[in-house]
Amino acid sequence: MIQVNTHSAKTNLSALLMKVEKTGEQVTICRNGKPIARLSPVRRHGKAGKTAMAMQVIEKMTGRGTSNLSTDEIMALTRE
């Protein structure tokens, strides 16, 4: 994880964003040596990612009485 001070973050924001995007590495922004914010990549689910997630849910739901599950309960299955 990269740590930068606020001045450096302001001066090099474009380069830091590019690094986060390309490498997935997080950047912690500090003021007086104390962390105050973090830049991190946004997780994107392409078609393959959505298919994999759906398969995980189906796999976890197999054999359970699932017809009465709420959306929240189904989403919880993806976190198990």
N, C-alpha and C. Protein backbone atom coordinates (compact mmCIF):
# COMPACT_ATOMS: atom_id res chain seq x y z
N MET A 1 0.84 -1.17 0.00
CA MET A 1 0.00 0.00 0.00
C MET A 1 0.89 1.24 0.00
N ILE A 2 0.52 2.18 -0.82
CA ILE A 2 1.28 3.43 -0.94
C ILE A 2 0.71 4.44 0.07
N GLN A 3 1.58 5.19 0.71
CA GLN A 3 1.15 6.28 1.59
C GLN A 3 1.74 7.58 1.07
N VAL A 4 0.88 8.60 0.96
CA VAL A 4 1.34 9.92 0.52
C VAL A 4 0.72 10.98 1.42
N ASN A 5 1.40 12.14 1.49
CA ASN A 5 0.81 13.23 2.25
C ASN A 5 -0.18 13.98 1.37
N THR A 6 -0.96 14.86 1.96
CA THR A 6 -2.03 15.53 1.22
C THR A 6 -1.49 16.38 0.07
N HIS A 7 -0.36 17.04 0.28
CA HIS A 7 0.21 17.87 -0.79
C HIS A 7 0.61 17.00 -1.98
N SER A 8 1.28 15.90 -1.69
CA SER A 8 1.71 14.99 -2.76
C SER A 8 0.50 14.39 -3.48
N ALA A 9 -0.55 14.06 -2.73
CA ALA A 9 -1.77 13.50 -3.33
C ALA A 9 -2.40 14.52 -4.29
N LYS A 10 -2.44 15.78 -3.86
CA LYS A 10 -3.02 16.83 -4.70
C LYS A 10 -2.18 17.03 -5.97
N THR A 11 -0.89 17.06 -5.79
CA THR A 11 0.02 17.31 -6.91
C THR A 11 0.03 16.15 -7.91
N ASN A 12 -0.10 14.93 -7.40
CA ASN A 12 0.05 13.74 -8.25
C ASN A 12 -1.24 12.92 -8.38
N LEU A 13 -2.39 13.56 -8.22
CA LEU A 13 -3.64 12.82 -8.20
C LEU A 13 -3.85 11.97 -9.46
N SER A 14 -3.62 12.54 -10.62
CA SER A 14 -3.83 11.77 -11.86
C SER A 14 -2.95 10.53 -11.91
N ALA A 15 -1.69 10.67 -11.54
CA ALA A 15 -0.77 9.53 -11.54
C ALA A 15 -1.18 8.49 -10.50
N LEU A 16 -1.64 8.95 -9.34
CA LEU A 16 -2.08 8.01 -8.30
C LEU A 16 -3.32 7.24 -8.74
N LEU A 17 -4.26 7.95 -9.37
CA LEU A 17 -5.47 7.29 -9.87
C LEU A 17 -5.12 6.26 -10.93
N MET A 18 -4.18 6.58 -11.80
CA MET A 18 -3.77 5.66 -12.84
C MET A 18 -3.15 4.41 -12.22
N LYS A 19 -2.32 4.59 -11.19
CA LYS A 19 -1.68 3.46 -10.53
C LYS A 19 -2.73 2.56 -9.86
N VAL A 20 -3.71 3.18 -9.19
CA VAL A 20 -4.78 2.42 -8.56
C VAL A 20 -5.55 1.63 -9.61
N GLU A 21 -5.85 2.28 -10.72
CA GLU A 21 -6.61 1.63 -11.80
C GLU A 21 -5.84 0.47 -12.42
N LYS A 22 -4.56 0.68 -12.69
CA LYS A 22 -3.76 -0.32 -13.41
C LYS A 22 -3.32 -1.49 -12.53
N THR A 23 -2.96 -1.20 -11.27
CA THR A 23 -2.39 -2.23 -10.41
C THR A 23 -3.36 -2.75 -9.35
N GLY A 24 -4.41 -1.99 -9.07
CA GLY A 24 -5.33 -2.39 -8.01
C GLY A 24 -4.81 -2.06 -6.62
N GLU A 25 -3.65 -1.43 -6.57
CA GLU A 25 -3.05 -1.08 -5.28
C GLU A 25 -3.81 0.08 -4.64
N GLN A 26 -3.89 0.08 -3.32
CA GLN A 26 -4.55 1.17 -2.60
C GLN A 26 -3.54 2.26 -2.25
N VAL A 27 -4.03 3.49 -2.17
CA VAL A 27 -3.21 4.63 -1.78
C VAL A 27 -3.84 5.25 -0.55
N THR A 28 -3.06 5.37 0.52
CA THR A 28 -3.54 6.02 1.73
C THR A 28 -3.02 7.45 1.75
N ILE A 29 -3.91 8.39 1.97
CA ILE A 29 -3.54 9.81 2.03
C ILE A 29 -3.48 10.20 3.51
N CYS A 30 -2.35 10.77 3.89
CA CYS A 30 -2.11 11.10 5.30
C CYS A 30 -1.97 12.61 5.50
N ARG A 31 -2.39 13.06 6.66
CA ARG A 31 -2.14 14.45 7.08
C ARG A 31 -1.38 14.37 8.40
N ASN A 32 -0.24 15.00 8.45
CA ASN A 32 0.62 14.95 9.63
C ASN A 32 0.91 13.51 10.06
N GLY A 33 1.10 12.63 9.06
CA GLY A 33 1.45 11.25 9.34
C GLY A 33 0.29 10.35 9.73
N LYS A 34 -0.92 10.91 9.81
CA LYS A 34 -2.09 10.11 10.19
C LYS A 34 -2.98 9.87 8.97
N PRO A 35 -3.37 8.63 8.72
CA PRO A 35 -4.22 8.33 7.57
C PRO A 35 -5.57 9.04 7.68
N ILE A 36 -6.00 9.67 6.57
CA ILE A 36 -7.30 10.36 6.57
C ILE A 36 -8.21 9.88 5.44
N ALA A 37 -7.64 9.29 4.40
CA ALA A 37 -8.46 8.83 3.28
C ALA A 37 -7.73 7.73 2.54
N ARG A 38 -8.49 6.98 1.75
CA ARG A 38 -7.88 5.91 0.97
C ARG A 38 -8.47 5.88 -0.43
N LEU A 39 -7.59 5.81 -1.42
CA LEU A 39 -8.01 5.59 -2.80
C LEU A 39 -7.91 4.10 -3.06
N SER A 40 -8.98 3.52 -3.54
CA SER A 40 -8.95 2.09 -3.86
C SER A 40 -9.74 1.85 -5.13
N PRO A 41 -9.41 0.77 -5.83
CA PRO A 41 -10.10 0.50 -7.10
C PRO A 41 -11.55 0.11 -6.85
N VAL A 42 -12.39 0.44 -7.81
CA VAL A 42 -13.78 0.05 -7.78
C VAL A 42 -13.87 -1.35 -8.36
N ARG A 43 -14.55 -2.24 -7.65
CA ARG A 43 -14.72 -3.59 -8.17
C ARG A 43 -15.75 -3.58 -9.28
N ARG A 44 -15.34 -4.09 -10.41
CA ARG A 44 -16.25 -4.16 -11.55
C ARG A 44 -16.52 -5.61 -11.87
N HIS A 45 -17.77 -5.91 -12.10
CA HIS A 45 -18.14 -7.27 -12.47
C HIS A 45 -18.52 -7.28 -13.95
N GLY A 46 -17.64 -7.81 -14.76
CA GLY A 46 -17.97 -8.01 -16.17
C GLY A 46 -18.92 -9.18 -16.29
N LYS A 47 -19.22 -9.56 -17.51
CA LYS A 47 -20.15 -10.67 -17.73
C LYS A 47 -19.66 -11.94 -17.04
N ALA A 48 -18.37 -12.22 -17.13
CA ALA A 48 -17.83 -13.42 -16.50
C ALA A 48 -17.97 -13.35 -14.99
N GLY A 49 -17.75 -12.17 -14.41
CA GLY A 49 -17.89 -12.00 -12.96
C GLY A 49 -19.32 -12.19 -12.50
N LYS A 50 -20.27 -11.68 -13.26
CA LYS A 50 -21.68 -11.84 -12.90
C LYS A 50 -22.10 -13.29 -13.02
N THR A 51 -21.61 -13.98 -14.04
CA THR A 51 -21.94 -15.39 -14.21
C THR A 51 -21.39 -16.20 -13.04
N ALA A 52 -20.15 -15.92 -12.65
CA ALA A 52 -19.54 -16.63 -11.53
C ALA A 52 -20.31 -16.38 -10.25
N MET A 53 -20.74 -15.14 -10.03
CA MET A 53 -21.50 -14.81 -8.83
C MET A 53 -22.84 -15.55 -8.83
N ALA A 54 -23.51 -15.58 -9.98
CA ALA A 54 -24.79 -16.28 -10.08
C ALA A 54 -24.60 -17.77 -9.80
N MET A 55 -23.51 -18.35 -10.31
CA MET A 55 -23.25 -19.77 -10.07
C MET A 55 -23.00 -20.04 -8.59
N GLN A 56 -22.34 -19.11 -7.90
CA GLN A 56 -22.11 -19.27 -6.47
C GLN A 56 -23.43 -19.28 -5.72
N VAL A 57 -24.32 -18.38 -6.08
CA VAL A 57 -25.62 -18.30 -5.41
C VAL A 57 -26.41 -19.58 -5.65
N ILE A 58 -26.45 -20.03 -6.90
CA ILE A 58 -27.20 -21.25 -7.24
C ILE A 58 -26.63 -22.44 -6.47
N GLU A 59 -25.30 -22.52 -6.41
CA GLU A 59 -24.65 -23.62 -5.71
C GLU A 59 -25.01 -23.62 -4.23
N LYS A 60 -25.03 -22.45 -3.61
CA LYS A 60 -25.35 -22.35 -2.19
C LYS A 60 -26.83 -22.57 -1.91
N MET A 61 -27.67 -22.30 -2.90
CA MET A 61 -29.11 -22.44 -2.71
C MET A 61 -29.58 -23.88 -2.95
N THR A 62 -28.77 -24.70 -3.61
CA THR A 62 -29.17 -26.06 -3.93
C THR A 62 -29.49 -26.83 -2.65
N GLY A 63 -30.68 -27.42 -2.66
CA GLY A 63 -31.10 -28.22 -1.51
C GLY A 63 -31.74 -27.43 -0.40
N ARG A 64 -31.85 -26.13 -0.53
CA ARG A 64 -32.50 -25.31 0.49
C ARG A 64 -33.89 -24.93 0.00
N GLY A 65 -34.79 -24.72 0.92
CA GLY A 65 -36.10 -24.21 0.54
C GLY A 65 -35.95 -22.73 0.22
N THR A 66 -35.77 -22.39 -1.03
CA THR A 66 -35.38 -21.03 -1.39
C THR A 66 -36.50 -20.20 -1.98
N SER A 67 -37.66 -20.78 -2.19
CA SER A 67 -38.71 -20.04 -2.89
C SER A 67 -39.22 -18.84 -2.11
N ASN A 68 -39.02 -18.84 -0.80
CA ASN A 68 -39.53 -17.73 0.02
C ASN A 68 -38.44 -16.79 0.51
N LEU A 69 -37.24 -16.87 -0.06
CA LEU A 69 -36.15 -16.01 0.38
C LEU A 69 -36.33 -14.59 -0.14
N SER A 70 -35.98 -13.64 0.71
CA SER A 70 -35.99 -12.24 0.29
C SER A 70 -34.71 -11.94 -0.50
N THR A 71 -34.69 -10.80 -1.15
CA THR A 71 -33.49 -10.38 -1.88
C THR A 71 -32.31 -10.28 -0.94
N ASP A 72 -32.52 -9.74 0.26
CA ASP A 72 -31.43 -9.61 1.24
C ASP A 72 -30.88 -10.98 1.64
N GLU A 73 -31.76 -11.96 1.79
CA GLU A 73 -31.31 -13.30 2.15
C GLU A 73 -30.51 -13.94 1.02
N ILE A 74 -30.96 -13.71 -0.21
CA ILE A 74 -30.22 -14.24 -1.36
C ILE A 74 -28.85 -13.57 -1.45
N MET A 75 -28.79 -12.25 -1.25
CA MET A 75 -27.51 -11.54 -1.29
C MET A 75 -26.58 -12.05 -0.18
N ALA A 76 -27.16 -12.39 0.97
CA ALA A 76 -26.33 -12.91 2.07
C ALA A 76 -25.68 -14.22 1.68
N LEU A 77 -26.34 -15.01 0.83
CA LEU A 77 -25.74 -16.25 0.37
C LEU A 77 -24.46 -16.01 -0.42
N THR A 78 -24.34 -14.88 -1.08
CA THR A 78 -23.14 -14.59 -1.85
C THR A 78 -21.97 -14.25 -0.95
N ARG A 79 -22.26 -13.91 0.30
CA ARG A 79 -21.19 -13.53 1.23
C ARG A 79 -20.75 -14.69 2.10
N GLU A 80 -21.47 -15.82 2.07
CA GLU A 80 -21.11 -16.96 2.92
C GLU A 80 -19.82 -17.60 2.48
